[in-house]
C-alpha atoms as a PDB file:
ATOM      1  CA  MET A   1     -37.036 -16.801 -16.530  1.00  0.00           C
ATOM      2  CA  ALA A   2     -34.768 -18.909 -14.327  1.00  0.00           C
ATOM      3  CA  LYS A   3     -36.529 -21.896 -12.791  1.00  0.00           C
ATOM      4  CA  ARG A   4     -35.351 -24.229 -10.061  1.00  0.00           C
ATOM      5  CA  LEU A   5     -34.806 -27.934 -10.760  1.00  0.00           C
ATOM      6  CA  SER A   6     -33.240 -28.840  -7.401  1.00  0.00           C
ATOM      7  CA  ASN A   7     -34.333 -28.534  -3.782  1.00  0.00           C
ATOM      8  CA  SER A   8     -31.351 -26.404  -2.778  1.00  0.00           C
ATOM      9  CA  VAL A   9     -30.118 -23.160  -4.281  1.00  0.00           C
ATOM     10  CA  PRO A  10     -26.642 -22.170  -3.054  1.00  0.00           C
ATOM     11  CA  ALA A  11     -25.373 -18.654  -2.634  1.00  0.00           C
ATOM     12  CA  PRO A  12     -23.647 -17.345  -5.770  1.00  0.00           C
ATOM     13  CA  LYS A  13     -19.859 -17.025  -5.783  1.00  0.00           C
ATOM     14  CA  LEU A  14     -19.365 -14.881  -8.851  1.00  0.00           C
ATOM     15  CA  ALA A  15     -17.663 -11.529  -8.258  1.00  0.00           C
ATOM     16  CA  ALA A  16     -19.541  -8.345  -9.108  1.00  0.00           C
ATOM     17  CA  THR A  17     -18.073  -5.250 -10.784  1.00  0.00           C
ATOM     18  CA  TRP A  18     -19.715  -2.458  -8.789  1.00  0.00           C
ATOM     19  CA  ASP A  19     -16.517  -0.571  -7.957  1.00  0.00           C
ATOM     20  CA  ALA A  20     -16.407   0.889 -11.472  1.00  0.00           C
ATOM     21  CA  TRP A  21     -19.963   2.266 -11.336  1.00  0.00           C
ATOM     22  CA  PRO A  22     -20.263   6.075 -11.265  1.00  0.00           C
ATOM     23  CA  TYR A  23     -23.413   5.966  -9.129  1.00  0.00           C
ATOM     24  CA  ARG A  24     -25.441   3.524  -7.020  1.00  0.00           C
ATOM     25  CA  ILE A  25     -29.083   2.512  -7.239  1.00  0.00           C
ATOM     26  CA  GLY A  26     -31.070  -0.015  -5.229  1.00  0.00           C
ATOM     27  CA  CYS A  27     -34.147  -1.034  -3.264  1.00  0.00           C
ATOM     28  CA  PRO A  28     -35.122  -0.244   0.338  1.00  0.00           C
ATOM     29  CA  VAL A  29     -34.660  -3.912   1.349  1.00  0.00           C
ATOM     30  CA  TRP A  30     -32.798  -6.952   0.037  1.00  0.00           C
ATOM     31  CA  GLY A  31     -35.262  -9.610   1.198  1.00  0.00           C
ATOM     32  CA  CYS A  32     -38.696  -9.971  -0.373  1.00  0.00           C
ATOM     33  CA  LYS A  33     -40.196 -13.386  -1.105  1.00  0.00           C
ATOM     34  CA  GLU A  34     -42.079 -11.966  -4.096  1.00  0.00           C
ATOM     35  CA  TRP A  35     -38.742 -11.417  -5.836  1.00  0.00           C
ATOM     36  CA  ALA A  36     -38.289 -15.162  -6.433  1.00  0.00           C
ATOM     37  CA  GLY A  37     -37.475 -15.670 -10.103  1.00  0.00           C
ATOM     38  CA  GLN A  38     -36.534 -11.999 -10.436  1.00  0.00           C
ATOM     39  CA  ILE A  39     -33.792 -11.292  -7.867  1.00  0.00           C
ATOM     40  CA  TYR A  40     -33.162 -14.832  -6.600  1.00  0.00           C
ATOM     41  CA  PRO A  41     -33.871 -18.244  -8.114  1.00  0.00           C
ATOM     42  CA  THR A  42     -37.129 -19.789  -6.998  1.00  0.00           C
ATOM     43  CA  GLY A  43     -36.487 -21.844  -3.881  1.00  0.00           C
ATOM     44  CA  THR A  44     -33.639 -19.696  -2.539  1.00  0.00           C
ATOM     45  CA  GLN A  45     -33.516 -19.706   1.238  1.00  0.00           C
ATOM     46  CA  SER A  46     -33.751 -16.338   2.995  1.00  0.00           C
ATOM     47  CA  GLU A  47     -30.173 -16.576   4.326  1.00  0.00           C
ATOM     48  CA  ASN A  48     -28.972 -16.383   0.699  1.00  0.00           C
ATOM     49  CA  PHE A  49     -31.169 -13.459  -0.376  1.00  0.00           C
ATOM     50  CA  LEU A  50     -28.426 -10.895   0.234  1.00  0.00           C
ATOM     51  CA  SER A  51     -25.838 -12.837  -1.770  1.00  0.00           C
ATOM     52  CA  TRP A  52     -28.111 -12.871  -4.804  1.00  0.00           C
ATOM     53  CA  TYR A  53     -29.409  -9.326  -4.401  1.00  0.00           C
ATOM     54  CA  SER A  54     -25.885  -7.889  -4.091  1.00  0.00           C
ATOM     55  CA  ARG A  55     -24.945  -9.345  -7.480  1.00  0.00           C
ATOM     56  CA  LEU A  56     -27.914  -7.753  -9.213  1.00  0.00           C
ATOM     57  CA  MET A  57     -27.837  -4.326  -7.527  1.00  0.00           C
ATOM     58  CA  PRO A  58     -24.928  -2.301  -6.153  1.00  0.00           C
ATOM     59  CA  THR A  59     -26.485  -1.038  -2.912  1.00  0.00           C
ATOM     60  CA  VAL A  60     -29.445  -1.273  -0.558  1.00  0.00           C
ATOM     61  CA  GLU A  61     -31.175   1.151   1.772  1.00  0.00           C
ATOM     62  CA  GLY A  62     -31.146  -0.747   5.067  1.00  0.00           C
ATOM     63  CA  ASN A  63     -34.102   0.497   7.092  1.00  0.00           C
ATOM     64  CA  SER A  64     -34.155  -2.436   9.513  1.00  0.00           C
ATOM     65  CA  THR A  65     -31.443  -0.904  11.718  1.00  0.00           C
ATOM     66  CA  PHE A  66     -33.784   2.004  12.467  1.00  0.00           C
ATOM     67  CA  TYR A  67     -35.885  -0.372  14.561  1.00  0.00           C
ATOM     68  CA  SER A  68     -33.235  -2.709  15.976  1.00  0.00           C
ATOM     69  CA  VAL A  69     -29.450  -2.994  15.798  1.00  0.00           C
ATOM     70  CA  PRO A  70     -28.249  -6.604  15.587  1.00  0.00           C
ATOM     71  CA  GLY A  71     -25.022  -7.821  17.121  1.00  0.00           C
ATOM     72  CA  PRO A  72     -21.596  -7.599  15.492  1.00  0.00           C
ATOM     73  CA  GLU A  73     -21.784 -11.185  14.261  1.00  0.00           C
ATOM     74  CA  VAL A  74     -24.748 -10.257  12.052  1.00  0.00           C
ATOM     75  CA  PHE A  75     -22.876  -7.323  10.546  1.00  0.00           C
ATOM     76  CA  ARG A  76     -19.918  -9.619   9.826  1.00  0.00           C
ATOM     77  CA  LYS A  77     -22.255 -12.093   8.154  1.00  0.00           C
ATOM     78  CA  TRP A  78     -23.760  -9.332   6.021  1.00  0.00           C
ATOM     79  CA  ALA A  79     -20.298  -8.125   5.016  1.00  0.00           C
ATOM     80  CA  ASP A  80     -19.219 -11.657   4.107  1.00  0.00           C
ATOM     81  CA  SER A  81     -22.403 -12.442   2.180  1.00  0.00           C
ATOM     82  CA  ALA A  82     -22.402  -9.332   0.001  1.00  0.00           C
ATOM     83  CA  ALA A  83     -20.616  -9.216  -3.343  1.00  0.00           C
ATOM     84  CA  ASP A  84     -17.359  -7.318  -3.710  1.00  0.00           C
ATOM     85  CA  GLY A  85     -18.017  -3.633  -4.278  1.00  0.00           C
ATOM     86  CA  PHE A  86     -21.528  -3.792  -2.835  1.00  0.00           C
ATOM     87  CA  GLN A  87     -22.217  -1.174  -0.151  1.00  0.00           C
ATOM     88  CA  PHE A  88     -24.878  -0.820   2.534  1.00  0.00           C
ATOM     89  CA  CYS A  89     -26.681   2.433   3.348  1.00  0.00           C
ATOM     90  CA  PHE A  90     -28.081   1.783   6.799  1.00  0.00           C
ATOM     91  CA  LYS A  91     -30.321   4.143   8.727  1.00  0.00           C
ATOM     92  CA  PHE A  92     -29.342   5.381  12.192  1.00  0.00           C
ATOM     93  CA  PRO A  93     -31.215   3.624  15.013  1.00  0.00           C
ATOM     94  CA  ARG A  94     -34.322   5.411  16.188  1.00  0.00           C
ATOM     95  CA  SER A  95     -32.993   5.182  19.747  1.00  0.00           C
ATOM     96  CA  ILE A  96     -30.454   7.847  18.716  1.00  0.00           C
ATOM     97  CA  SER A  97     -32.433   9.948  16.234  1.00  0.00           C
ATOM     98  CA  HIS A  98     -35.933   9.857  17.702  1.00  0.00           C
ATOM     99  CA  ASP A  99     -35.864   8.655  21.308  1.00  0.00           C
ATOM    100  CA  HIS A 100     -32.822  10.675  22.418  1.00  0.00           C
ATOM    101  CA  GLN A 101     -33.010  13.291  19.644  1.00  0.00           C
ATOM    102  CA  LEU A 102     -29.182  13.236  19.402  1.00  0.00           C
ATOM    103  CA  SER A 103     -28.677  14.193  23.058  1.00  0.00           C
ATOM    104  CA  HIS A 104     -27.174  12.077  25.859  1.00  0.00           C
ATOM    105  CA  CYS A 105     -26.686   9.110  23.545  1.00  0.00           C
ATOM    106  CA  GLN A 106     -22.899   8.728  23.530  1.00  0.00           C
ATOM    107  CA  ALA A 107     -22.975   5.037  24.460  1.00  0.00           C
ATOM    108  CA  LEU A 108     -25.589   4.232  21.826  1.00  0.00           C
ATOM    109  CA  THR A 109     -23.667   6.137  19.180  1.00  0.00           C
ATOM    110  CA  LYS A 110     -20.393   4.436  20.099  1.00  0.00           C
ATOM    111  CA  GLU A 111     -22.069   1.040  19.755  1.00  0.00           C
ATOM    112  CA  TRP A 112     -23.586   2.022  16.396  1.00  0.00           C
ATOM    113  CA  LEU A 113     -20.261   3.258  15.036  1.00  0.00           C
ATOM    114  CA  ALA A 114     -18.635   0.000  16.111  1.00  0.00           C
ATOM    115  CA  ARG A 115     -21.153  -1.901  13.979  1.00  0.00           C
ATOM    116  CA  LEU A 116     -20.492   0.353  11.001  1.00  0.00           C
ATOM    117  CA  GLU A 117     -16.742  -0.103  11.463  1.00  0.00           C
ATOM    118  CA  ILE A 118     -17.229  -3.791  10.601  1.00  0.00           C
ATOM    119  CA  LEU A 119     -18.664  -2.798   7.218  1.00  0.00           C
ATOM    120  CA  LYS A 120     -16.033  -0.141   6.668  1.00  0.00           C
ATOM    121  CA  ALA A 121     -13.209  -2.596   7.306  1.00  0.00           C
ATOM    122  CA  ALA A 122     -14.764  -4.951   4.761  1.00  0.00           C
ATOM    123  CA  GLY A 123     -15.211  -2.200   2.143  1.00  0.00           C
ATOM    124  CA  ARG A 124     -19.019  -2.443   2.406  1.00  0.00           C
ATOM    125  CA  LEU A 125     -19.878   0.916   3.996  1.00  0.00           C
ATOM    126  CA  GLY A 126     -21.902   3.330   1.906  1.00  0.00           C
ATOM    127  CA  PRO A 127     -23.425   6.587   3.171  1.00  0.00           C
ATOM    128  CA  THR A 128     -25.182   6.049   6.505  1.00  0.00           C
ATOM    129  CA  PHE A 129     -28.192   8.304   6.857  1.00  0.00           C
ATOM    130  CA  LEU A 130     -29.579  10.038   9.889  1.00  0.00           C
ATOM    131  CA  GLN A 131     -33.329  10.528   9.599  1.00  0.00           C
ATOM    132  CA  LEU A 132     -34.394  13.168  12.107  1.00  0.00           C
ATOM    133  CA  ALA A 133     -37.756  13.009  13.830  1.00  0.00           C
ATOM    134  CA  PRO A 134     -40.601  15.190  12.500  1.00  0.00           C
ATOM    135  CA  SER A 135     -40.463  17.045  15.836  1.00  0.00           C
ATOM    136  CA  PHE A 136     -36.743  17.840  15.465  1.00  0.00           C
ATOM    137  CA  SER A 137     -36.962  21.551  14.734  1.00  0.00           C
ATOM    138  CA  SER A 138     -34.609  24.507  14.415  1.00  0.00           C
ATOM    139  CA  ARG A 139     -34.584  24.789  18.215  1.00  0.00           C
ATOM    140  CA  SER A 140     -32.426  21.671  18.198  1.00  0.00           C
ATOM    141  CA  PHE A 141     -29.860  23.029  15.748  1.00  0.00           C
ATOM    142  CA  PRO A 142     -27.107  23.100  18.428  1.00  0.00           C
ATOM    143  CA  GLN A 143     -27.647  19.397  19.186  1.00  0.00           C
ATOM    144  CA  LEU A 144     -27.506  18.574  15.476  1.00  0.00           C
ATOM    145  CA  GLN A 145     -24.304  20.528  14.961  1.00  0.00           C
ATOM    146  CA  GLU A 146     -22.602  19.010  17.995  1.00  0.00           C
ATOM    147  CA  PHE A 147     -23.645  15.500  17.032  1.00  0.00           C
ATOM    148  CA  LEU A 148     -22.544  15.746  13.403  1.00  0.00           C
ATOM    149  CA  GLU A 149     -19.201  17.310  14.310  1.00  0.00           C
ATOM    150  CA  GLN A 150     -18.382  14.261  16.428  1.00  0.00           C
ATOM    151  CA  LEU A 151     -18.925  11.747  13.617  1.00  0.00           C
ATOM    152  CA  PRO A 152     -15.848  10.371  11.810  1.00  0.00           C
ATOM    153  CA  ARG A 153     -15.004  12.887   9.105  1.00  0.00           C
ATOM    154  CA  ASP A 154     -13.733  10.306   6.608  1.00  0.00           C
ATOM    155  CA  TRP A 155     -16.965   8.256   6.616  1.00  0.00           C
ATOM    156  CA  PRO A 156     -19.872   9.051   4.251  1.00  0.00           C
ATOM    157  CA  TRP A 157     -22.965  10.475   5.965  1.00  0.00           C
ATOM    158  CA  ALA A 158     -26.349  11.863   4.932  1.00  0.00           C
ATOM    159  CA  VAL A 159     -29.057  13.662   6.907  1.00  0.00           C
ATOM    160  CA  GLU A 160     -32.803  13.634   6.264  1.00  0.00           C
ATOM    161  CA  VAL A 161     -34.923  16.364   7.864  1.00  0.00           C
ATOM    162  CA  ARG A 162     -38.704  16.425   8.187  1.00  0.00           C
ATOM    163  CA  HIS A 163     -39.692  19.405  10.336  1.00  0.00           C
ATOM    164  CA  ARG A 164     -40.958  22.370   8.303  1.00  0.00           C
ATOM    165  CA  ASP A 165     -38.320  24.683   9.817  1.00  0.00           C
ATOM    166  CA  TRP A 166     -35.703  23.098   7.574  1.00  0.00           C
ATOM    167  CA  PHE A 167     -37.734  23.944   4.458  1.00  0.00           C
ATOM    168  CA  ASP A 168     -38.238  27.642   5.174  1.00  0.00           C
ATOM    169  CA  GLY A 169     -36.166  28.737   2.172  1.00  0.00           C
ATOM    170  CA  ASP A 170     -34.532  31.232   4.475  1.00  0.00           C
ATOM    171  CA  VAL A 171     -32.556  31.317   7.727  1.00  0.00           C
ATOM    172  CA  TRP A 172     -32.802  27.783   9.015  1.00  0.00           C
ATOM    173  CA  GLU A 173     -32.594  26.019   5.693  1.00  0.00           C
ATOM    174  CA  THR A 174     -29.532  28.087   4.855  1.00  0.00           C
ATOM    175  CA  ARG A 175     -27.916  27.258   8.199  1.00  0.00           C
ATOM    176  CA  LEU A 176     -28.648  23.579   7.763  1.00  0.00           C
ATOM    177  CA  ASN A 177     -27.239  23.412   4.240  1.00  0.00           C
ATOM    178  CA  ARG A 178     -24.155  25.383   5.255  1.00  0.00           C
ATOM    179  CA  LEU A 179     -23.498  23.063   8.192  1.00  0.00           C
ATOM    180  CA  LEU A 180     -23.813  19.961   6.027  1.00  0.00           C
ATOM    181  CA  SER A 181     -21.674  21.473   3.300  1.00  0.00           C
ATOM    182  CA  ASP A 182     -18.935  22.478   5.770  1.00  0.00           C
ATOM    183  CA  LEU A 183     -18.838  18.930   7.136  1.00  0.00           C
ATOM    184  CA  GLY A 184     -19.049  17.228   3.726  1.00  0.00           C
ATOM    185  CA  ILE A 185     -22.383  15.614   4.610  1.00  0.00           C
ATOM    186  CA  ASP A 186     -25.164  15.122   2.077  1.00  0.00           C
ATOM    187  CA  ARG A 187     -28.733  16.237   2.645  1.00  0.00           C
ATOM    188  CA  VAL A 188     -31.127  13.422   1.782  1.00  0.00           C
ATOM    189  CA  ILE A 189     -33.423  14.379  -1.099  1.00  0.00           C
ATOM    190  CA  PHE A 190     -36.875  12.956  -0.437  1.00  0.00           C
ATOM    191  CA  ASP A 191     -39.484  12.954  -3.192  1.00  0.00           C
ATOM    192  CA  SER A 192     -42.963  11.642  -2.421  1.00  0.00           C
ATOM    193  CA  ARG A 193     -44.628  13.495  -5.301  1.00  0.00           C
ATOM    194  CA  PRO A 194     -45.043  10.342  -7.433  1.00  0.00           C
ATOM    195  CA  LEU A 195     -46.865   8.552  -4.616  1.00  0.00           C
ATOM    196  CA  ASN A 196     -49.209  11.434  -3.933  1.00  0.00           C
ATOM    197  CA  ALA A 197     -49.871  12.485  -7.529  1.00  0.00           C
ATOM    198  CA  MET A 198     -53.204  10.670  -7.639  1.00  0.00           C
ATOM    199  CA  ALA A 199     -55.622   8.693  -5.531  1.00  0.00           C
ATOM    200  CA  PRO A 200     -54.382   5.315  -4.248  1.00  0.00           C
ATOM    201  CA  SER A 201     -54.976   2.275  -6.423  1.00  0.00           C
ATOM    202  CA  ASP A 202     -54.831  -0.267  -3.608  1.00  0.00           C
ATOM    203  CA  GLU A 203     -54.516  -0.629   0.157  1.00  0.00           C
ATOM    204  CA  ALA A 204     -50.713  -0.525   0.063  1.00  0.00           C
ATOM    205  CA  GLU A 205     -50.714   2.824  -1.710  1.00  0.00           C
ATOM    206  CA  ALA A 206     -53.391   4.189   0.625  1.00  0.00           C
ATOM    207  CA  ALA A 207     -51.305   3.211   3.641  1.00  0.00           C
ATOM    208  CA  SER A 208     -48.158   4.722   2.116  1.00  0.00           C
ATOM    209  CA  GLN A 209     -49.895   8.021   1.416  1.00  0.00           C
ATOM    210  CA  VAL A 210     -50.817   8.244   5.081  1.00  0.00           C
ATOM    211  CA  ARG A 211     -47.412   7.119   6.373  1.00  0.00           C
ATOM    212  CA  LYS A 212     -44.937   8.880   4.085  1.00  0.00           C
ATOM    213  CA  PRO A 213     -44.235  12.571   4.789  1.00  0.00           C
ATOM    214  CA  LYS A 214     -45.241  15.240   2.290  1.00  0.00           C
ATOM    215  CA  VAL A 215     -42.248  17.539   2.683  1.00  0.00           C
ATOM    216  CA  PRO A 216     -41.300  20.080   0.005  1.00  0.00           C
ATOM    217  CA  LEU A 217     -38.890  18.790  -2.613  1.00  0.00           C
ATOM    218  CA  ARG A 218     -35.361  20.144  -2.389  1.00  0.00           C
ATOM    219  CA  VAL A 219     -32.776  19.123  -4.973  1.00  0.00           C
ATOM    220  CA  GLU A 220     -29.764  21.196  -3.871  1.00  0.00           C
ATOM    221  CA  THR A 221     -26.648  19.145  -3.120  1.00  0.00           C
ATOM    222  CA  THR A 222     -24.475  19.794  -0.073  1.00  0.00           C
ATOM    223  CA  ALA A 223     -21.667  17.284  -0.694  1.00  0.00           C
ATOM    224  CA  ARG A 224     -20.374  14.752  -3.229  1.00  0.00           C
ATOM    225  CA  ARG A 225     -22.848  11.888  -2.757  1.00  0.00           C
ATOM    226  CA  PRO A 226     -26.418  13.164  -3.136  1.00  0.00           C
ATOM    227  CA  MET A 227     -28.791  10.574  -1.671  1.00  0.00           C
ATOM    228  CA  VAL A 228     -32.214  10.416  -3.301  1.00  0.00           C
ATOM    229  CA  ARG A 229     -35.179   8.519  -1.856  1.00  0.00           C
ATOM    230  CA  LEU A 230     -37.953   8.269  -4.459  1.00  0.00           C
ATOM    231  CA  ILE A 231     -41.379   7.163  -3.275  1.00  0.00           C
ATOM    232  CA  GLY A 232     -43.133   5.741  -6.296  1.00  0.00           C
ATOM    233  CA  ARG A 233     -46.256   3.750  -7.005  1.00  0.00           C
ATOM    234  CA  ASN A 234     -46.908   0.101  -7.797  1.00  0.00           C
ATOM    235  CA  ASP A 235     -47.758   0.828 -11.428  1.00  0.00           C
ATOM    236  CA  LEU A 236     -44.691   2.022 -13.336  1.00  0.00           C
ATOM    237  CA  ARG A 237     -46.862   3.890 -15.858  1.00  0.00           C
ATOM    238  CA  GLU A 238     -47.924   6.255 -13.085  1.00  0.00           C
ATOM    239  CA  VAL A 239     -44.381   7.469 -12.315  1.00  0.00           C
ATOM    240  CA  THR A 240     -42.883   7.698 -15.816  1.00  0.00           C
ATOM    241  CA  ASP A 241     -42.791  11.496 -15.974  1.00  0.00           C
ATOM    242  CA  TYR A 242     -41.090  11.703 -12.573  1.00  0.00           C
ATOM    243  CA  TRP A 243     -38.582   9.008 -13.535  1.00  0.00           C
ATOM    244  CA  ASP A 244     -37.694  10.949 -16.695  1.00  0.00           C
ATOM    245  CA  GLU A 245     -37.182  14.097 -14.624  1.00  0.00           C
ATOM    246  CA  TRP A 246     -34.957  12.267 -12.145  1.00  0.00           C
ATOM    247  CA  ALA A 247     -32.982  10.483 -14.856  1.00  0.00           C
ATOM    248  CA  GLU A 248     -32.079  13.855 -16.351  1.00  0.00           C
ATOM    249  CA  ARG A 249     -30.995  15.251 -12.992  1.00  0.00           C
ATOM    250  CA  ILE A 250     -29.020  12.153 -11.954  1.00  0.00           C
ATOM    251  CA  ALA A 251     -27.246  11.977 -15.302  1.00  0.00           C
ATOM    252  CA  HIS A 252     -26.301  15.648 -14.916  1.00  0.00           C
ATOM    253  CA  TRP A 253     -24.887  14.997 -11.445  1.00  0.00           C
ATOM    254  CA  ILE A 254     -22.807  12.096 -12.741  1.00  0.00           C
ATOM    255  CA  HIS A 255     -21.555  14.243 -15.613  1.00  0.00           C
ATOM    256  CA  GLU A 256     -20.533  16.878 -13.041  1.00  0.00           C
ATOM    257  CA  GLY A 257     -18.475  14.319 -11.103  1.00  0.00           C
ATOM    258  CA  LEU A 258     -20.918  13.641  -8.264  1.00  0.00           C
ATOM    259  CA  GLU A 259     -21.728  10.112  -7.071  1.00  0.00           C
ATOM    260  CA  PRO A 260     -25.504   9.850  -6.562  1.00  0.00           C
ATOM    261  CA  TRP A 261     -27.072   7.164  -4.359  1.00  0.00           C
ATOM    262  CA  VAL A 262     -30.654   6.478  -5.428  1.00  0.00           C
ATOM    263  CA  PHE A 263     -33.321   4.311  -3.810  1.00  0.00           C
ATOM    264  CA  THR A 264     -36.731   3.593  -5.301  1.00  0.00           C
ATOM    265  CA  HIS A 265     -39.571   2.757  -2.947  1.00  0.00           C
ATOM    266  CA  ALA A 266     -42.867   1.178  -3.952  1.00  0.00           C
ATOM    267  CA  PRO A 267     -45.870   0.921  -1.613  1.00  0.00           C
ATOM    268  CA  ASP A 268     -45.573  -2.828  -2.162  1.00  0.00           C
ATOM    269  CA  ASP A 269     -41.905  -3.920  -2.040  1.00  0.00           C
ATOM    270  CA  ALA A 270     -42.665  -6.513  -4.716  1.00  0.00           C
ATOM    271  CA  PHE A 271     -42.551  -3.722  -7.327  1.00  0.00           C
ATOM    272  CA  ALA A 272     -39.361  -1.973  -6.131  1.00  0.00           C
ATOM    273  CA  PRO A 273     -36.931  -3.778  -8.521  1.00  0.00           C
ATOM    274  CA  MET A 274     -39.112  -2.841 -11.479  1.00  0.00           C
ATOM    275  CA  LEU A 275     -38.849   0.820 -10.481  1.00  0.00           C
ATOM    276  CA  VAL A 276     -35.055   0.491 -10.136  1.00  0.00           C
ATOM    277  CA  HIS A 277     -34.626  -0.970 -13.611  1.00  0.00           C
ATOM    278  CA  ALA A 278     -36.951   1.570 -15.212  1.00  0.00           C
ATOM    279  CA  LEU A 279     -35.052   4.501 -13.724  1.00  0.00           C
ATOM    280  CA  HIS A 280     -31.634   3.032 -14.520  1.00  0.00           C
ATOM    281  CA  GLN A 281     -32.604   2.449 -18.138  1.00  0.00           C
ATOM    282  CA  ARG A 282     -33.659   6.082 -18.434  1.00  0.00           C
ATOM    283  CA  ILE A 283     -30.332   7.225 -17.000  1.00  0.00           C
ATOM    284  CA  GLN A 284     -28.572   4.949 -19.506  1.00  0.00           C
ATOM    285  CA  THR A 285     -30.212   6.743 -22.427  1.00  0.00           C
ATOM    286  CA  ARG A 286     -28.470   9.904 -21.224  1.00  0.00           C
ATOM    287  CA  LEU A 287     -25.106   8.278 -20.379  1.00  0.00           C
ATOM    288  CA  SER A 288     -24.196   5.864 -23.163  1.00  0.00           C
ATOM    289  CA  ARG A 289     -21.277   4.265 -21.318  1.00  0.00           C
ATOM    290  CA  LEU A 290     -23.299   3.383 -18.246  1.00  0.00           C
ATOM    291  CA  PRO A 291     -23.528  -0.430 -17.942  1.00  0.00           C
ATOM    292  CA  SER A 292     -26.805  -2.277 -17.598  1.00  0.00           C
ATOM    293  CA  LEU A 293     -27.880  -3.838 -14.343  1.00  0.00           C
ATOM    294  CA  PRO A 294     -27.366  -7.607 -14.577  1.00  0.00           C
ATOM    295  CA  THR A 295     -30.396  -9.874 -14.758  1.00  0.00           C
ATOM    296  CA  LEU A 296     -30.922 -13.010 -12.724  1.00  0.00           C
ATOM    297  CA  ASP A 297     -30.596 -15.185 -15.836  1.00  0.00           C
ATOM    298  CA  GLN A 298     -27.232 -13.587 -16.636  1.00  0.00           C
ATOM    299  CA  VAL A 299     -25.890 -14.160 -13.127  1.00  0.00           C
ATOM    300  CA  ILE A 300     -27.075 -17.779 -13.125  1.00  0.00           C
ATOM    301  CA  ALA A 301     -25.495 -18.405 -16.521  1.00  0.00           C
ATOM    302  CA  LYS A 302     -22.162 -16.946 -15.399  1.00  0.00           C
ATOM    303  CA  GLU A 303     -22.287 -18.956 -12.172  1.00  0.00           C
ATOM    304  CA  ALA A 304     -22.816 -22.145 -14.146  1.00  0.00           C
ATOM    305  CA  GLU A 305     -19.896 -21.297 -16.442  1.00  0.00           C
ATOM    306  CA  SER A 306     -17.506 -20.554 -13.591  1.00  0.00           C
ATOM    307  CA  ASN A 307     -18.485 -23.519 -11.381  1.00  0.00           C
ATOM    308  CA  PRO A 308     -19.518 -26.354 -13.726  1.00  0.00           C
ATOM    309  CA  PRO A 309     -18.471 -29.466 -11.765  1.00  0.00           C
ATOM    310  CA  SER A 310     -19.733 -28.829  -8.251  1.00  0.00           C
ATOM    311  CA  GLY A 311     -22.040 -25.809  -8.407  1.00  0.00           C
ATOM    312  CA  LYS A 312     -25.648 -26.707  -7.788  1.00  0.00           C
ATOM    313  CA  LEU A 313     -26.556 -24.000 -10.245  1.00  0.00           C
ATOM    314  CA  THR A 314     -25.685 -26.393 -13.045  1.00  0.00           C
ATOM    315  CA  GLN A 315     -29.037 -27.948 -12.186  1.00  0.00           C
ATOM    316  CA  LEU A 316     -30.736 -24.714 -13.209  1.00  0.00           C
ATOM    317  CA  ARG A 317     -31.670 -24.064 -16.798  1.00  0.00           C
ATOM    318  CA  LEU A 318     -32.889 -20.939 -18.484  1.00  0.00           C
ATOM    319  CA  PHE A 319     -36.283 -20.623 -20.072  1.00  0.00           C
ATOM    320  CA  PRO A 320     -37.025 -17.893 -22.601  1.00  0.00           C
END
């Protein structure tokens, strides 16, 4: 485990190699103080969390923009802080998806696209996903179609639906999938089965079982970048069977030339990286050429090698 010997831990400078990866996997956030010693060296300041995270994982599901969209200077800072090849998957603001339900929100959408353009120009833009409100039903199909048709065609998008109309296995589900397929947009695959497979073990799991939707699982792909949001549990042993199932499916997609984007949620964010590594290792057993995710110790060691004279990381040593 890497331990801090100085009072200041700088942001890493080492380049990452994510561009060569055939798929992306990550956590729902990049900042969690419980990840000290696992994702960032102990003592790392919060402004450097992203720099460290982006060298250990190739993407992140950015849910914070659902609640509030920061100014362009923040997006520029995020783009500058992230490692080369790292890409963000931000969620549409709720002001567009929930408050306006995709109608009469041209100004809000224009502002949102301008923020995303900053990431696109920097090569940091992954699939941006539109999570529709639970009340957004088939009656609003015209609004959905009009809205999606106005989005830039050459940007990656994904749509997550929650109303039961879109899971009817018949008319409306077919229309939705056809629309997304025609536009080259992925349908978000949401799996909360692992979370709800048994009674909660703690308060965090109990709260998640109440908060997370229990929509039917759909695994059909509508475009080239299937986005999977897996809602796990805090104890890895309780999701193993599901992780094996998903590893098989993800490996098959990669073999077929698709580029999956996978995010593992834990009721307590402290356990999310563990779920990421467990799933990635299972995918590796099915794809022998898939590289391992780097560890914090490996990144620190490489930083020390590449910046021996001035890098503060030379004051860090590795403990077995």
